[in-house]
Amino acid sequence: MKQKITISVIGGHEIDEKVEKLAYKVGSFIAQVGAVLVCGGLDGVMSAAARGAKESGGDHRTFTGERKKRREPLY
């Protein structure tokens, strides 16, 4: 079985609309090329990238840190 390429996306939590759109496009592109997206997924850049991957039918994994109050990733 061939291993899929894994790509991580990391970015800020407080972002403007322009950065959100770019992160979404990055996540979507990662999905379209068949790679797996790995990111935090809670807010900001990582959430937008995860949403882009998910809505494009891609495979993504989200992880959250232990320091913050635990909650489920948005995507």
PDB file of N, CA and C in Angstrom:
ATOM      1  N   MET A   1       0.844  -1.184   0.000  1.00  0.00           N
ATOM      2  CA  MET A   1       0.000   0.000   0.000  1.00  0.00           C
ATOM      3  C   MET A   1       0.885   1.242   0.000  1.00  0.00           C
ATOM      4  N   LYS A   2       0.611   2.143  -0.895  1.00  0.00           N
ATOM      5  CA  LYS A   2       1.394   3.365  -1.018  1.00  0.00           C
ATOM      6  C   LYS A   2       0.991   4.369   0.061  1.00  0.00           C
ATOM      7  N   GLN A   3       1.988   4.932   0.738  1.00  0.00           N
ATOM      8  CA  GLN A   3       1.734   5.915   1.784  1.00  0.00           C
ATOM      9  C   GLN A   3       1.388   7.265   1.158  1.00  0.00           C
ATOM     10  N   LYS A   4       0.375   7.926   1.704  1.00  0.00           N
ATOM     11  CA  LYS A   4      -0.010   9.254   1.218  1.00  0.00           C
ATOM     12  C   LYS A   4       0.958  10.304   1.753  1.00  0.00           C
ATOM     13  N   ILE A   5       1.127  11.351   0.992  1.00  0.00           N
ATOM     14  CA  ILE A   5       1.917  12.506   1.437  1.00  0.00           C
ATOM     15  C   ILE A   5       1.130  13.208   2.539  1.00  0.00           C
ATOM     16  N   THR A   6       1.805  13.617   3.593  1.00  0.00           N
ATOM     17  CA  THR A   6       1.192  14.339   4.701  1.00  0.00           C
ATOM     18  C   THR A   6       1.753  15.755   4.738  1.00  0.00           C
ATOM     19  N   ILE A   7       0.870  16.745   4.809  1.00  0.00           N
ATOM     20  CA  ILE A   7       1.274  18.150   4.826  1.00  0.00           C
ATOM     21  C   ILE A   7       0.645  18.825   6.044  1.00  0.00           C
ATOM     22  N   SER A   8       1.455  19.539   6.806  1.00  0.00           N
ATOM     23  CA  SER A   8       0.969  20.265   7.981  1.00  0.00           C
ATOM     24  C   SER A   8       0.761  21.739   7.651  1.00  0.00           C
ATOM     25  N   VAL A   9      -0.276  22.303   8.221  1.00  0.00           N
ATOM     26  CA  VAL A   9      -0.542  23.732   8.097  1.00  0.00           C
ATOM     27  C   VAL A   9      -0.619  24.299   9.507  1.00  0.00           C
ATOM     28  N   ILE A  10       0.150  25.358   9.733  1.00  0.00           N
ATOM     29  CA  ILE A  10       0.187  26.021  11.030  1.00  0.00           C
ATOM     30  C   ILE A  10      -0.009  27.512  10.811  1.00  0.00           C
ATOM     31  N   GLY A  11      -0.788  28.149  11.664  1.00  0.00           N
ATOM     32  CA  GLY A  11      -0.987  29.581  11.521  1.00  0.00           C
ATOM     33  C   GLY A  11      -1.704  30.163  12.718  1.00  0.00           C
ATOM     34  N   GLY A  12      -1.928  31.442  12.651  1.00  0.00           N
ATOM     35  CA  GLY A  12      -2.524  32.174  13.754  1.00  0.00           C
ATOM     36  C   GLY A  12      -3.996  31.882  13.978  1.00  0.00           C
ATOM     37  N   HIS A  13      -4.452  32.211  15.186  1.00  0.00           N
ATOM     38  CA  HIS A  13      -5.850  32.020  15.545  1.00  0.00           C
ATOM     39  C   HIS A  13      -6.699  33.223  15.154  1.00  0.00           C
ATOM     40  N   GLU A  14      -6.146  34.406  15.256  1.00  0.00           N
ATOM     41  CA  GLU A  14      -6.884  35.623  14.919  1.00  0.00           C
ATOM     42  C   GLU A  14      -6.426  36.092  13.549  1.00  0.00           C
ATOM     43  N   ILE A  15      -7.288  35.876  12.542  1.00  0.00           N
ATOM     44  CA  ILE A  15      -6.915  36.176  11.155  1.00  0.00           C
ATOM     45  C   ILE A  15      -7.993  37.024  10.502  1.00  0.00           C
ATOM     46  N   ASP A  16      -7.602  37.696   9.429  1.00  0.00           N
ATOM     47  CA  ASP A  16      -8.580  38.474   8.682  1.00  0.00           C
ATOM     48  C   ASP A  16      -9.169  37.608   7.555  1.00  0.00           C
ATOM     49  N   GLU A  17     -10.130  38.149   6.846  1.00  0.00           N
ATOM     50  CA  GLU A  17     -10.844  37.413   5.806  1.00  0.00           C
ATOM     51  C   GLU A  17      -9.912  36.969   4.674  1.00  0.00           C
ATOM     52  N   LYS A  18      -8.943  37.809   4.326  1.00  0.00           N
ATOM     53  CA  LYS A  18      -8.009  37.471   3.245  1.00  0.00           C
ATOM     54  C   LYS A  18      -7.187  36.230   3.608  1.00  0.00           C
ATOM     55  N   VAL A  19      -6.678  36.177   4.821  1.00  0.00           N
ATOM     56  CA  VAL A  19      -5.881  35.026   5.267  1.00  0.00           C
ATOM     57  C   VAL A  19      -6.770  33.789   5.388  1.00  0.00           C
ATOM     58  N   GLU A  20      -8.005  33.975   5.855  1.00  0.00           N
ATOM     59  CA  GLU A  20      -8.920  32.839   5.965  1.00  0.00           C
ATOM     60  C   GLU A  20      -9.188  32.206   4.602  1.00  0.00           C
ATOM     61  N   LYS A  21      -9.424  33.038   3.603  1.00  0.00           N
ATOM     62  CA  LYS A  21      -9.666  32.528   2.247  1.00  0.00           C
ATOM     63  C   LYS A  21      -8.441  31.799   1.706  1.00  0.00           C
ATOM     64  N   LEU A  22      -7.264  32.351   1.956  1.00  0.00           N
ATOM     65  CA  LEU A  22      -6.034  31.705   1.492  1.00  0.00           C
ATOM     66  C   LEU A  22      -5.834  30.349   2.173  1.00  0.00           C
ATOM     67  N   ALA A  23      -6.037  30.292   3.481  1.00  0.00           N
ATOM     68  CA  ALA A  23      -5.882  29.032   4.215  1.00  0.00           C
ATOM     69  C   ALA A  23      -6.884  27.992   3.716  1.00  0.00           C
ATOM     70  N   TYR A  24      -8.105  28.415   3.438  1.00  0.00           N
ATOM     71  CA  TYR A  24      -9.119  27.516   2.895  1.00  0.00           C
ATOM     72  C   TYR A  24      -8.651  26.942   1.558  1.00  0.00           C
ATOM     73  N   LYS A  25      -8.127  27.804   0.692  1.00  0.00           N
ATOM     74  CA  LYS A  25      -7.636  27.354  -0.617  1.00  0.00           C
ATOM     75  C   LYS A  25      -6.472  26.383  -0.476  1.00  0.00           C
ATOM     76  N   VAL A  26      -5.592  26.627   0.487  1.00  0.00           N
ATOM     77  CA  VAL A  26      -4.467  25.727   0.730  1.00  0.00           C
ATOM     78  C   VAL A  26      -4.988  24.349   1.142  1.00  0.00           C
ATOM     79  N   GLY A  27      -5.932  24.311   2.080  1.00  0.00           N
ATOM     80  CA  GLY A  27      -6.514  23.043   2.501  1.00  0.00           C
ATOM     81  C   GLY A  27      -7.206  22.318   1.367  1.00  0.00           C
ATOM     82  N   SER A  28      -7.915  23.066   0.550  1.00  0.00           N
ATOM     83  CA  SER A  28      -8.597  22.494  -0.609  1.00  0.00           C
ATOM     84  C   SER A  28      -7.595  21.912  -1.603  1.00  0.00           C
ATOM     85  N   PHE A  29      -6.525  22.627  -1.853  1.00  0.00           N
ATOM     86  CA  PHE A  29      -5.496  22.149  -2.785  1.00  0.00           C
ATOM     87  C   PHE A  29      -4.848  20.864  -2.261  1.00  0.00           C
ATOM     88  N   ILE A  30      -4.559  20.830  -0.964  1.00  0.00           N
ATOM     89  CA  ILE A  30      -3.966  19.634  -0.364  1.00  0.00           C
ATOM     90  C   ILE A  30      -4.886  18.432  -0.604  1.00  0.00           C
ATOM     91  N   ALA A  31      -6.181  18.626  -0.432  1.00  0.00           N
ATOM     92  CA  ALA A  31      -7.145  17.548  -0.673  1.00  0.00           C
ATOM     93  C   ALA A  31      -7.172  17.140  -2.144  1.00  0.00           C
ATOM     94  N   GLN A  32      -7.144  18.110  -3.026  1.00  0.00           N
ATOM     95  CA  GLN A  32      -7.244  17.834  -4.458  1.00  0.00           C
ATOM     96  C   GLN A  32      -6.062  17.035  -4.992  1.00  0.00           C
ATOM     97  N   VAL A  33      -4.897  17.202  -4.386  1.00  0.00           N
ATOM     98  CA  VAL A  33      -3.726  16.442  -4.849  1.00  0.00           C
ATOM     99  C   VAL A  33      -3.607  15.091  -4.147  1.00  0.00           C
ATOM    100  N   GLY A  34      -4.560  14.794  -3.247  1.00  0.00           N
ATOM    101  CA  GLY A  34      -4.589  13.495  -2.590  1.00  0.00           C
ATOM    102  C   GLY A  34      -3.704  13.363  -1.368  1.00  0.00           C
ATOM    103  N   ALA A  35      -3.223  14.484  -0.844  1.00  0.00           N
ATOM    104  CA  ALA A  35      -2.390  14.447   0.365  1.00  0.00           C
ATOM    105  C   ALA A  35      -3.284  14.512   1.605  1.00  0.00           C
ATOM    106  N   VAL A  36      -2.713  14.208   2.765  1.00  0.00           N
ATOM    107  CA  VAL A  36      -3.425  14.285   4.036  1.00  0.00           C
ATOM    108  C   VAL A  36      -3.011  15.572   4.743  1.00  0.00           C
ATOM    109  N   LEU A  37      -3.982  16.354   5.181  1.00  0.00           N
ATOM    110  CA  LEU A  37      -3.725  17.584   5.928  1.00  0.00           C
ATOM    111  C   LEU A  37      -3.667  17.269   7.416  1.00  0.00           C
ATOM    112  N   VAL A  38      -2.646  17.780   8.101  1.00  0.00           N
ATOM    113  CA  VAL A  38      -2.519  17.651   9.547  1.00  0.00           C
ATOM    114  C   VAL A  38      -2.412  19.051  10.131  1.00  0.00           C
ATOM    115  N   CYS A  39      -3.292  19.368  11.097  1.00  0.00           N
ATOM    116  CA  CYS A  39      -3.260  20.698  11.704  1.00  0.00           C
ATOM    117  C   CYS A  39      -4.006  20.692  13.030  1.00  0.00           C
ATOM    118  N   GLY A  40      -4.073  21.856  13.672  1.00  0.00           N
ATOM    119  CA  GLY A  40      -4.771  21.986  14.942  1.00  0.00           C
ATOM    120  C   GLY A  40      -6.283  21.984  14.779  1.00  0.00           C
ATOM    121  N   GLY A  41      -6.795  22.781  13.890  1.00  0.00           N
ATOM    122  CA  GLY A  41      -8.211  22.768  13.575  1.00  0.00           C
ATOM    123  C   GLY A  41      -9.148  23.525  14.491  1.00  0.00           C
ATOM    124  N   LEU A  42      -8.646  24.183  15.541  1.00  0.00           N
ATOM    125  CA  LEU A  42      -9.566  24.867  16.454  1.00  0.00           C
ATOM    126  C   LEU A  42     -10.053  26.201  15.917  1.00  0.00           C
ATOM    127  N   ASP A  43      -9.175  27.073  15.546  1.00  0.00           N
ATOM    128  CA  ASP A  43      -9.561  28.415  15.097  1.00  0.00           C
ATOM    129  C   ASP A  43      -8.597  28.897  14.020  1.00  0.00           C
ATOM    130  N   GLY A  44      -8.969  29.973  13.375  1.00  0.00           N
ATOM    131  CA  GLY A  44      -8.071  30.679  12.471  1.00  0.00           C
ATOM    132  C   GLY A  44      -7.603  29.889  11.266  1.00  0.00           C
ATOM    133  N   VAL A  45      -6.306  30.002  10.982  1.00  0.00           N
ATOM    134  CA  VAL A  45      -5.708  29.391   9.795  1.00  0.00           C
ATOM    135  C   VAL A  45      -5.950  27.889   9.753  1.00  0.00           C
ATOM    136  N   MET A  46      -5.725  27.217  10.870  1.00  0.00           N
ATOM    137  CA  MET A  46      -5.839  25.760  10.876  1.00  0.00           C
ATOM    138  C   MET A  46      -7.278  25.297  10.661  1.00  0.00           C
ATOM    139  N   SER A  47      -8.234  26.004  11.228  1.00  0.00           N
ATOM    140  CA  SER A  47      -9.637  25.665  11.016  1.00  0.00           C
ATOM    141  C   SER A  47     -10.034  25.883   9.557  1.00  0.00           C
ATOM    142  N   ALA A  48      -9.610  26.988   8.982  1.00  0.00           N
ATOM    143  CA  ALA A  48      -9.944  27.283   7.589  1.00  0.00           C
ATOM    144  C   ALA A  48      -9.325  26.251   6.643  1.00  0.00           C
ATOM    145  N   ALA A  49      -8.096  25.855   6.912  1.00  0.00           N
ATOM    146  CA  ALA A  49      -7.444  24.836   6.074  1.00  0.00           C
ATOM    147  C   ALA A  49      -8.158  23.491   6.205  1.00  0.00           C
ATOM    148  N   ALA A  50      -8.523  23.119   7.433  1.00  0.00           N
ATOM    149  CA  ALA A  50      -9.238  21.861   7.652  1.00  0.00           C
ATOM    150  C   ALA A  50     -10.592  21.872   6.954  1.00  0.00           C
ATOM    151  N   ARG A  51     -11.281  23.008   7.017  1.00  0.00           N
ATOM    152  CA  ARG A  51     -12.571  23.142   6.335  1.00  0.00           C
ATOM    153  C   ARG A  51     -12.411  23.015   4.830  1.00  0.00           C
ATOM    154  N   GLY A  52     -11.361  23.633   4.284  1.00  0.00           N
ATOM    155  CA  GLY A  52     -11.098  23.524   2.853  1.00  0.00           C
ATOM    156  C   GLY A  52     -10.836  22.092   2.425  1.00  0.00           C
ATOM    157  N   ALA A  53     -10.061  21.374   3.233  1.00  0.00           N
ATOM    158  CA  ALA A  53      -9.768  19.971   2.916  1.00  0.00           C
ATOM    159  C   ALA A  53     -11.027  19.118   2.997  1.00  0.00           C
ATOM    160  N   LYS A  54     -11.795  19.300   4.066  1.00  0.00           N
ATOM    161  CA  LYS A  54     -13.009  18.506   4.267  1.00  0.00           C
ATOM    162  C   LYS A  54     -14.025  18.755   3.163  1.00  0.00           C
ATOM    163  N   GLU A  55     -14.257  20.024   2.849  1.00  0.00           N
ATOM    164  CA  GLU A  55     -15.261  20.361   1.838  1.00  0.00           C
ATOM    165  C   GLU A  55     -14.824  19.986   0.428  1.00  0.00           C
ATOM    166  N   SER A  56     -13.539  19.686   0.251  1.00  0.00           N
ATOM    167  CA  SER A  56     -13.037  19.237  -1.046  1.00  0.00           C
ATOM    168  C   SER A  56     -12.896  17.713  -1.096  1.00  0.00           C
ATOM    169  N   GLY A  57     -13.419  17.043  -0.069  1.00  0.00           N
ATOM    170  CA  GLY A  57     -13.402  15.589  -0.053  1.00  0.00           C
ATOM    171  C   GLY A  57     -12.086  14.967   0.373  1.00  0.00           C
ATOM    172  N   GLY A  58     -11.232  15.768   1.008  1.00  0.00           N
ATOM    173  CA  GLY A  58      -9.913  15.281   1.390  1.00  0.00           C
ATOM    174  C   GLY A  58      -9.867  14.642   2.760  1.00  0.00           C
ATOM    175  N   ASP A  59      -8.718  14.054   3.030  1.00  0.00           N
ATOM    176  CA  ASP A  59      -8.443  13.406   4.300  1.00  0.00           C
ATOM    177  C   ASP A  59      -7.675  14.388   5.174  1.00  0.00           C
ATOM    178  N   HIS A  60      -8.132  14.579   6.409  1.00  0.00           N
ATOM    179  CA  HIS A  60      -7.426  15.492   7.299  1.00  0.00           C
ATOM    180  C   HIS A  60      -7.450  14.961   8.724  1.00  0.00           C
ATOM    181  N   ARG A  61      -6.421  15.314   9.479  1.00  0.00           N
ATOM    182  CA  ARG A  61      -6.299  14.946  10.881  1.00  0.00           C
ATOM    183  C   ARG A  61      -6.085  16.227  11.671  1.00  0.00           C
ATOM    184  N   THR A  62      -6.863  16.403  12.732  1.00  0.00           N
ATOM    185  CA  THR A  62      -6.702  17.587  13.567  1.00  0.00           C
ATOM    186  C   THR A  62      -6.314  17.168  14.980  1.00  0.00           C
ATOM    187  N   PHE A  63      -5.409  17.919  15.573  1.00  0.00           N
ATOM    188  CA  PHE A  63      -4.913  17.648  16.909  1.00  0.00           C
ATOM    189  C   PHE A  63      -4.982  18.938  17.723  1.00  0.00           C
ATOM    190  N   THR A  64      -5.343  18.814  18.978  1.00  0.00           N
ATOM    191  CA  THR A  64      -5.374  19.981  19.856  1.00  0.00           C
ATOM    192  C   THR A  64      -4.386  19.782  20.993  1.00  0.00           C
ATOM    193  N   GLY A  65      -3.854  20.890  21.484  1.00  0.00           N
ATOM    194  CA  GLY A  65      -2.892  20.832  22.574  1.00  0.00           C
ATOM    195  C   GLY A  65      -3.551  20.543  23.910  1.00  0.00           C
ATOM    196  N   GLU A  66      -2.764  20.162  24.869  1.00  0.00           N
ATOM    197  CA  GLU A  66      -3.266  19.844  26.201  1.00  0.00           C
ATOM    198  C   GLU A  66      -3.418  21.076  27.085  1.00  0.00           C
ATOM    199  N   ARG A  67      -2.718  22.148  26.774  1.00  0.00           N
ATOM    200  CA  ARG A  67      -2.754  23.341  27.630  1.00  0.00           C
ATOM    201  C   ARG A  67      -4.103  24.030  27.633  1.00  0.00           C
ATOM    202  N   LYS A  68      -4.686  24.169  26.465  1.00  0.00           N
ATOM    203  CA  LYS A  68      -5.956  24.873  26.368  1.00  0.00           C
ATOM    204  C   LYS A  68      -7.090  23.994  26.872  1.00  0.00           C
ATOM    205  N   LYS A  69      -8.150  24.644  27.224  1.00  0.00           N
ATOM    206  CA  LYS A  69      -9.354  23.915  27.615  1.00  0.00           C
ATOM    207  C   LYS A  69      -9.747  23.011  26.446  1.00  0.00           C
ATOM    208  N   ARG A  70      -9.882  21.725  26.695  1.00  0.00           N
ATOM    209  CA  ARG A  70     -10.149  20.773  25.613  1.00  0.00           C
ATOM    210  C   ARG A  70     -11.525  21.000  25.005  1.00  0.00           C
ATOM    211  N   ARG A  71     -11.551  20.999  23.721  1.00  0.00           N
ATOM    212  CA  ARG A  71     -12.819  21.018  22.989  1.00  0.00           C
ATOM    213  C   ARG A  71     -12.575  20.364  21.645  1.00  0.00           C
ATOM    214  N   GLU A  72     -13.615  20.000  21.001  1.00  0.00           N
ATOM    215  CA  GLU A  72     -13.489  19.312  19.711  1.00  0.00           C
ATOM    216  C   GLU A  72     -13.052  20.299  18.634  1.00  0.00           C
ATOM    217  N   PRO A  73     -12.200  19.845  17.700  1.00  0.00           N
ATOM    218  CA  PRO A  73     -11.844  20.696  16.560  1.00  0.00           C
ATOM    219  C   PRO A  73     -13.102  21.053  15.762  1.00  0.00           C
ATOM    220  N   LEU A  74     -13.078  22.195  15.110  1.00  0.00           N
ATOM    221  CA  LEU A  74     -14.224  22.628  14.319  1.00  0.00           C
ATOM    222  C   LEU A  74     -14.433  21.754  13.101  1.00  0.00           C
ATOM    223  N   TYR A  75     -13.334  21.244  12.503  1.00  0.00           N
ATOM    224  CA  TYR A  75     -13.436  20.407  11.296  1.00  0.00           C
ATOM    225  C   TYR A  75     -12.534  19.216  11.433  1.00  0.00           C
TER     226      TYR A  75
END
